[in-house]
């Protein structure tokens, strides 16, 4: 299920990456980052065309207890 950006031709053309919702694990939600096959960026479009289901990154977030410090700590491992 897509979380961001909403699925429209206009959004798909300008969004290089998509964020989707994965499993719920211990009351935390898994967010999945994937390349957008409809982007105008040629490199990402080619990567997505090769494997549109490839997961580039995953993170678990707790929507009931956001922790900015944990997000800042996790971010370098995602990127």
N, C-alpha and C. Protein backbone atom coordinates (compact mmCIF):
# COMPACT_ATOMS: atom_id res chain seq x y z
N UNK A 1 0.85 -1.17 0.00
CA UNK A 1 0.00 0.00 0.00
C UNK A 1 0.89 1.23 0.00
N UNK A 2 0.67 2.13 -0.94
CA UNK A 2 1.49 3.32 -1.06
C UNK A 2 1.13 4.32 0.02
N UNK A 3 2.17 4.89 0.63
CA UNK A 3 1.99 5.92 1.65
C UNK A 3 2.23 7.30 1.04
N UNK A 4 3.30 7.43 0.25
CA UNK A 4 3.65 8.71 -0.37
C UNK A 4 4.35 8.41 -1.67
N UNK A 5 4.22 9.07 -2.63
CA UNK A 5 3.24 10.08 -3.00
C UNK A 5 1.98 9.41 -3.53
N UNK A 6 0.89 10.15 -3.55
CA UNK A 6 -0.35 9.54 -4.04
C UNK A 6 -0.19 9.15 -5.50
N UNK A 7 -0.87 8.12 -5.91
CA UNK A 7 -0.70 7.54 -7.24
C UNK A 7 -1.49 8.32 -8.28
N UNK A 8 -0.83 9.30 -8.87
CA UNK A 8 -1.39 10.05 -10.00
C UNK A 8 -0.27 10.23 -11.02
N UNK A 9 -0.58 10.39 -12.30
CA UNK A 9 0.47 10.59 -13.29
C UNK A 9 1.37 11.78 -12.97
N UNK A 10 0.78 12.87 -12.48
CA UNK A 10 1.56 14.07 -12.15
C UNK A 10 2.53 13.78 -11.01
N UNK A 11 2.05 13.14 -9.95
CA UNK A 11 2.91 12.83 -8.81
C UNK A 11 3.98 11.81 -9.19
N UNK A 12 3.60 10.81 -9.97
CA UNK A 12 4.57 9.78 -10.35
C UNK A 12 5.70 10.37 -11.20
N UNK A 13 5.39 11.31 -12.07
CA UNK A 13 6.42 11.90 -12.92
C UNK A 13 7.45 12.67 -12.12
N UNK A 14 7.03 13.33 -11.04
CA UNK A 14 7.98 14.15 -10.29
C UNK A 14 8.54 13.47 -9.04
N UNK A 15 8.03 12.30 -8.68
CA UNK A 15 8.54 11.59 -7.51
C UNK A 15 9.51 10.51 -7.94
N UNK A 16 10.74 10.61 -7.47
CA UNK A 16 11.74 9.61 -7.82
C UNK A 16 11.56 8.32 -7.03
N UNK A 17 11.12 8.47 -5.78
CA UNK A 17 10.99 7.32 -4.90
C UNK A 17 9.59 7.24 -4.34
N UNK A 18 9.18 6.03 -4.00
CA UNK A 18 7.86 5.79 -3.41
C UNK A 18 8.04 5.24 -2.01
N UNK A 19 7.14 5.60 -1.14
CA UNK A 19 7.13 5.07 0.21
C UNK A 19 5.87 4.23 0.36
N UNK A 20 6.05 3.00 0.79
CA UNK A 20 4.93 2.10 0.95
C UNK A 20 4.87 1.54 2.36
N UNK A 21 3.69 1.07 2.74
CA UNK A 21 3.50 0.49 4.07
C UNK A 21 3.71 -1.01 3.99
N UNK A 22 4.55 -1.50 4.90
CA UNK A 22 4.80 -2.93 4.98
C UNK A 22 4.02 -3.54 6.13
N UNK A 23 4.65 -4.44 6.82
CA UNK A 23 4.03 -5.15 7.94
C UNK A 23 3.99 -4.30 9.20
N UNK A 24 3.16 -4.73 10.14
CA UNK A 24 3.16 -4.16 11.48
C UNK A 24 3.89 -5.16 12.37
N UNK A 25 4.96 -4.69 13.01
CA UNK A 25 5.81 -5.55 13.83
C UNK A 25 5.91 -4.93 15.22
N UNK A 26 5.42 -5.63 16.23
CA UNK A 26 5.44 -5.12 17.61
C UNK A 26 4.86 -3.71 17.70
N UNK A 27 3.73 -3.49 17.06
CA UNK A 27 3.01 -2.22 17.02
C UNK A 27 3.78 -1.10 16.31
N UNK A 28 4.82 -1.46 15.60
CA UNK A 28 5.56 -0.49 14.79
C UNK A 28 5.24 -0.78 13.33
N UNK A 29 5.17 0.28 12.54
CA UNK A 29 4.84 0.15 11.13
C UNK A 29 6.12 0.17 10.29
N UNK A 30 6.19 -0.76 9.37
CA UNK A 30 7.33 -0.83 8.47
C UNK A 30 7.06 0.07 7.27
N UNK A 31 7.99 0.98 6.99
CA UNK A 31 7.91 1.81 5.79
C UNK A 31 8.97 1.32 4.81
N UNK A 32 8.58 1.20 3.56
CA UNK A 32 9.44 0.65 2.52
C UNK A 32 9.67 1.70 1.44
N UNK A 33 10.93 1.86 1.03
CA UNK A 33 11.30 2.83 0.00
C UNK A 33 11.64 2.07 -1.28
N UNK A 34 11.00 2.48 -2.39
CA UNK A 34 11.23 1.84 -3.69
C UNK A 34 11.38 2.91 -4.77
N UNK A 35 12.06 2.56 -5.85
CA UNK A 35 12.19 3.46 -6.99
C UNK A 35 10.86 3.53 -7.74
N UNK A 36 10.58 4.70 -8.30
CA UNK A 36 9.34 4.92 -9.04
C UNK A 36 9.59 4.71 -10.53
N UNK A 37 8.94 3.72 -11.11
CA UNK A 37 9.17 3.42 -12.53
C UNK A 37 8.57 4.46 -13.48
N UNK A 38 7.78 5.38 -12.96
CA UNK A 38 7.17 6.41 -13.81
C UNK A 38 7.82 7.78 -13.64
N UNK A 39 8.97 7.84 -12.98
CA UNK A 39 9.65 9.10 -12.77
C UNK A 39 10.27 9.61 -14.07
N UNK A 40 10.59 10.89 -14.12
CA UNK A 40 11.27 11.44 -15.28
C UNK A 40 12.79 11.26 -15.17
N UNK A 41 13.29 10.91 -13.99
CA UNK A 41 14.71 10.67 -13.77
C UNK A 41 15.11 9.38 -14.48
N UNK A 42 15.96 9.50 -15.49
CA UNK A 42 16.30 8.35 -16.34
C UNK A 42 16.98 7.22 -15.57
N UNK A 43 17.88 7.55 -14.66
CA UNK A 43 18.60 6.53 -13.91
C UNK A 43 17.68 5.72 -13.01
N UNK A 44 16.83 6.41 -12.27
CA UNK A 44 15.89 5.72 -11.39
C UNK A 44 14.83 4.96 -12.18
N UNK A 45 14.43 5.54 -13.29
CA UNK A 45 13.44 4.86 -14.13
C UNK A 45 14.01 3.53 -14.65
N UNK A 46 15.28 3.54 -15.05
CA UNK A 46 15.92 2.32 -15.53
C UNK A 46 16.05 1.29 -14.41
N UNK A 47 16.43 1.75 -13.22
CA UNK A 47 16.56 0.84 -12.08
C UNK A 47 15.21 0.22 -11.72
N UNK A 48 14.17 1.03 -11.74
CA UNK A 48 12.83 0.52 -11.42
C UNK A 48 12.32 -0.41 -12.51
N UNK A 49 12.67 -0.12 -13.76
CA UNK A 49 12.24 -0.99 -14.86
C UNK A 49 12.89 -2.36 -14.75
N UNK A 50 14.11 -2.39 -14.23
CA UNK A 50 14.82 -3.66 -14.05
C UNK A 50 14.16 -4.50 -12.96
N UNK A 51 13.74 -3.84 -11.88
CA UNK A 51 13.07 -4.55 -10.77
C UNK A 51 12.22 -3.55 -10.01
N UNK A 52 10.96 -3.40 -10.40
CA UNK A 52 10.08 -2.40 -9.80
C UNK A 52 9.68 -2.75 -8.37
N UNK A 53 9.94 -3.98 -7.94
CA UNK A 53 9.58 -4.38 -6.58
C UNK A 53 10.77 -4.38 -5.63
N UNK A 54 11.94 -3.97 -6.13
CA UNK A 54 13.14 -3.96 -5.29
C UNK A 54 12.96 -2.98 -4.14
N UNK A 55 13.29 -3.43 -2.95
CA UNK A 55 13.22 -2.59 -1.76
C UNK A 55 14.59 -1.96 -1.56
N UNK A 56 14.64 -0.63 -1.56
CA UNK A 56 15.89 0.09 -1.40
C UNK A 56 16.20 0.35 0.07
N UNK A 57 15.16 0.49 0.87
CA UNK A 57 15.36 0.74 2.31
C UNK A 57 14.08 0.39 3.05
N UNK A 58 14.25 0.03 4.34
CA UNK A 58 13.12 -0.23 5.24
C UNK A 58 13.43 0.43 6.58
N UNK A 59 12.38 0.86 7.24
CA UNK A 59 12.52 1.40 8.59
C UNK A 59 11.25 1.08 9.36
N UNK A 60 11.38 0.87 10.65
CA UNK A 60 10.22 0.68 11.52
C UNK A 60 9.96 1.98 12.26
N UNK A 61 8.71 2.43 12.24
CA UNK A 61 8.34 3.65 12.96
C UNK A 61 7.19 3.33 13.91
N UNK A 62 7.18 4.02 15.01
CA UNK A 62 6.13 3.86 16.00
C UNK A 62 5.26 5.11 15.95
N UNK A 63 4.12 5.05 15.26
CA UNK A 63 3.28 6.25 15.11
C UNK A 63 2.72 6.75 16.44
N UNK A 64 2.64 5.89 17.44
CA UNK A 64 2.11 6.30 18.73
C UNK A 64 3.14 6.95 19.63
N UNK A 65 4.42 6.83 19.27
CA UNK A 65 5.48 7.39 20.10
C UNK A 65 6.65 7.80 19.21
N UNK A 66 6.50 8.89 18.46
CA UNK A 66 7.58 9.32 17.58
C UNK A 66 8.81 9.73 18.39
N UNK A 67 9.96 9.29 17.97
CA UNK A 67 11.21 9.59 18.66
C UNK A 67 12.17 10.23 17.65
N UNK A 68 12.27 11.55 17.67
CA UNK A 68 13.11 12.26 16.71
C UNK A 68 14.58 11.86 16.84
N UNK A 69 15.03 11.61 18.06
CA UNK A 69 16.42 11.21 18.25
C UNK A 69 16.71 9.86 17.60
N UNK A 70 15.78 8.93 17.71
CA UNK A 70 15.96 7.62 17.09
C UNK A 70 15.94 7.75 15.57
N UNK A 71 15.08 8.59 15.05
CA UNK A 71 15.02 8.81 13.60
C UNK A 71 16.34 9.38 13.10
N UNK A 72 16.90 10.35 13.81
CA UNK A 72 18.18 10.94 13.42
C UNK A 72 19.30 9.90 13.49
N UNK A 73 19.22 9.00 14.46
CA UNK A 73 20.22 7.94 14.61
C UNK A 73 20.11 6.91 13.49
N UNK A 74 18.88 6.58 13.09
CA UNK A 74 18.65 5.57 12.05
C UNK A 74 18.91 6.08 10.64
N UNK A 75 18.75 7.37 10.41
CA UNK A 75 18.80 7.93 9.06
C UNK A 75 20.08 7.61 8.30
N UNK A 76 21.28 7.74 8.88
CA UNK A 76 22.48 7.43 8.10
C UNK A 76 22.53 5.99 7.60
N UNK A 77 21.91 5.05 8.31
CA UNK A 77 21.92 3.65 7.88
C UNK A 77 20.96 3.42 6.72
N UNK A 78 19.95 4.26 6.62
CA UNK A 78 18.97 4.13 5.53
C UNK A 78 19.54 4.68 4.25
N UNK A 79 20.16 5.85 4.35
CA UNK A 79 20.68 6.51 3.16
C UNK A 79 22.04 5.95 2.83
